[in-house]
């Protein structure tokens, strides 16, 4: 797959369902999910964190 196609899919995943993007590009939906996993955090300015959520189920009132 070309870099241009990957970049376009990266933008589209922010707006449309993975299945629709996969159909448009003629790729498997899993391919779209992998691109989203790899590229979207960089586009949105977010990143995955392995730290606990502040809502960890304990009552800290």
Protein backbone atom coordinates (compact mmCIF):
# COMPACT_ATOMS: atom_id res chain seq x y z
CA UNK A 1 0.00 0.00 0.00
CA UNK A 2 1.30 3.44 -0.82
CA UNK A 3 2.19 5.96 1.85
CA UNK A 4 -0.38 8.31 0.37
CA UNK A 5 -3.15 5.73 0.80
CA UNK A 6 -2.09 5.08 4.39
CA UNK A 7 -2.14 8.80 5.14
CA UNK A 8 -5.59 9.18 3.60
CA UNK A 9 -6.95 6.24 5.58
CA UNK A 10 -5.45 7.81 8.73
CA UNK A 11 -7.51 10.93 8.16
CA UNK A 12 -10.68 9.06 7.19
CA UNK A 13 -10.73 6.91 10.36
CA UNK A 14 -11.45 10.04 12.36
CA UNK A 15 -14.68 10.58 10.42
CA UNK A 16 -16.02 7.30 9.06
CA UNK A 17 -16.55 3.67 10.07
CA UNK A 18 -13.67 1.28 9.42
CA UNK A 19 -15.84 -1.00 7.29
CA UNK A 20 -16.80 1.85 4.94
CA UNK A 21 -13.18 2.92 4.53
CA UNK A 22 -12.09 -0.66 3.88
CA UNK A 23 -14.73 -1.03 1.17
CA UNK A 24 -13.70 2.23 -0.50
CA UNK A 25 -10.00 1.35 -0.53
CA UNK A 26 -10.47 -2.32 -1.33
CA UNK A 27 -8.65 -3.56 1.76
CA UNK A 28 -9.62 -5.70 4.71
CA UNK A 29 -11.19 -3.95 7.70
CA UNK A 30 -8.37 -5.27 9.90
CA UNK A 31 -5.89 -3.35 7.74
CA UNK A 32 -7.79 -0.14 8.43
CA UNK A 33 -7.83 -0.90 12.17
CA UNK A 34 -4.07 -1.47 12.17
CA UNK A 35 -3.45 1.83 10.40
CA UNK A 36 -5.72 3.59 12.88
CA UNK A 37 -3.90 2.03 15.82
CA UNK A 38 -0.51 3.10 14.45
CA UNK A 39 -1.31 6.53 13.04
CA UNK A 40 -4.30 8.12 14.77
CA UNK A 41 -2.64 8.92 18.11
CA UNK A 42 -0.13 11.06 16.22
CA UNK A 43 -2.93 12.91 14.41
CA UNK A 44 -5.03 13.57 17.49
CA UNK A 45 -2.18 14.44 19.82
CA UNK A 46 -3.12 11.64 22.20
CA UNK A 47 -1.22 8.60 23.21
CA UNK A 48 -1.95 5.37 24.97
CA UNK A 49 -1.04 5.15 28.60
CA UNK A 50 -0.57 2.04 30.65
CA UNK A 51 -1.20 3.92 33.89
CA UNK A 52 -4.35 3.41 35.89
CA UNK A 53 -7.35 5.53 35.21
CA UNK A 54 -8.33 8.05 37.83
CA UNK A 55 -11.59 6.08 37.97
CA UNK A 56 -10.06 2.87 39.24
CA UNK A 57 -13.14 1.71 41.13
CA UNK A 58 -12.08 2.86 44.56
CA UNK A 59 -14.16 5.31 46.48
CA UNK A 60 -11.77 8.16 47.21
CA UNK A 61 -14.27 10.79 48.36
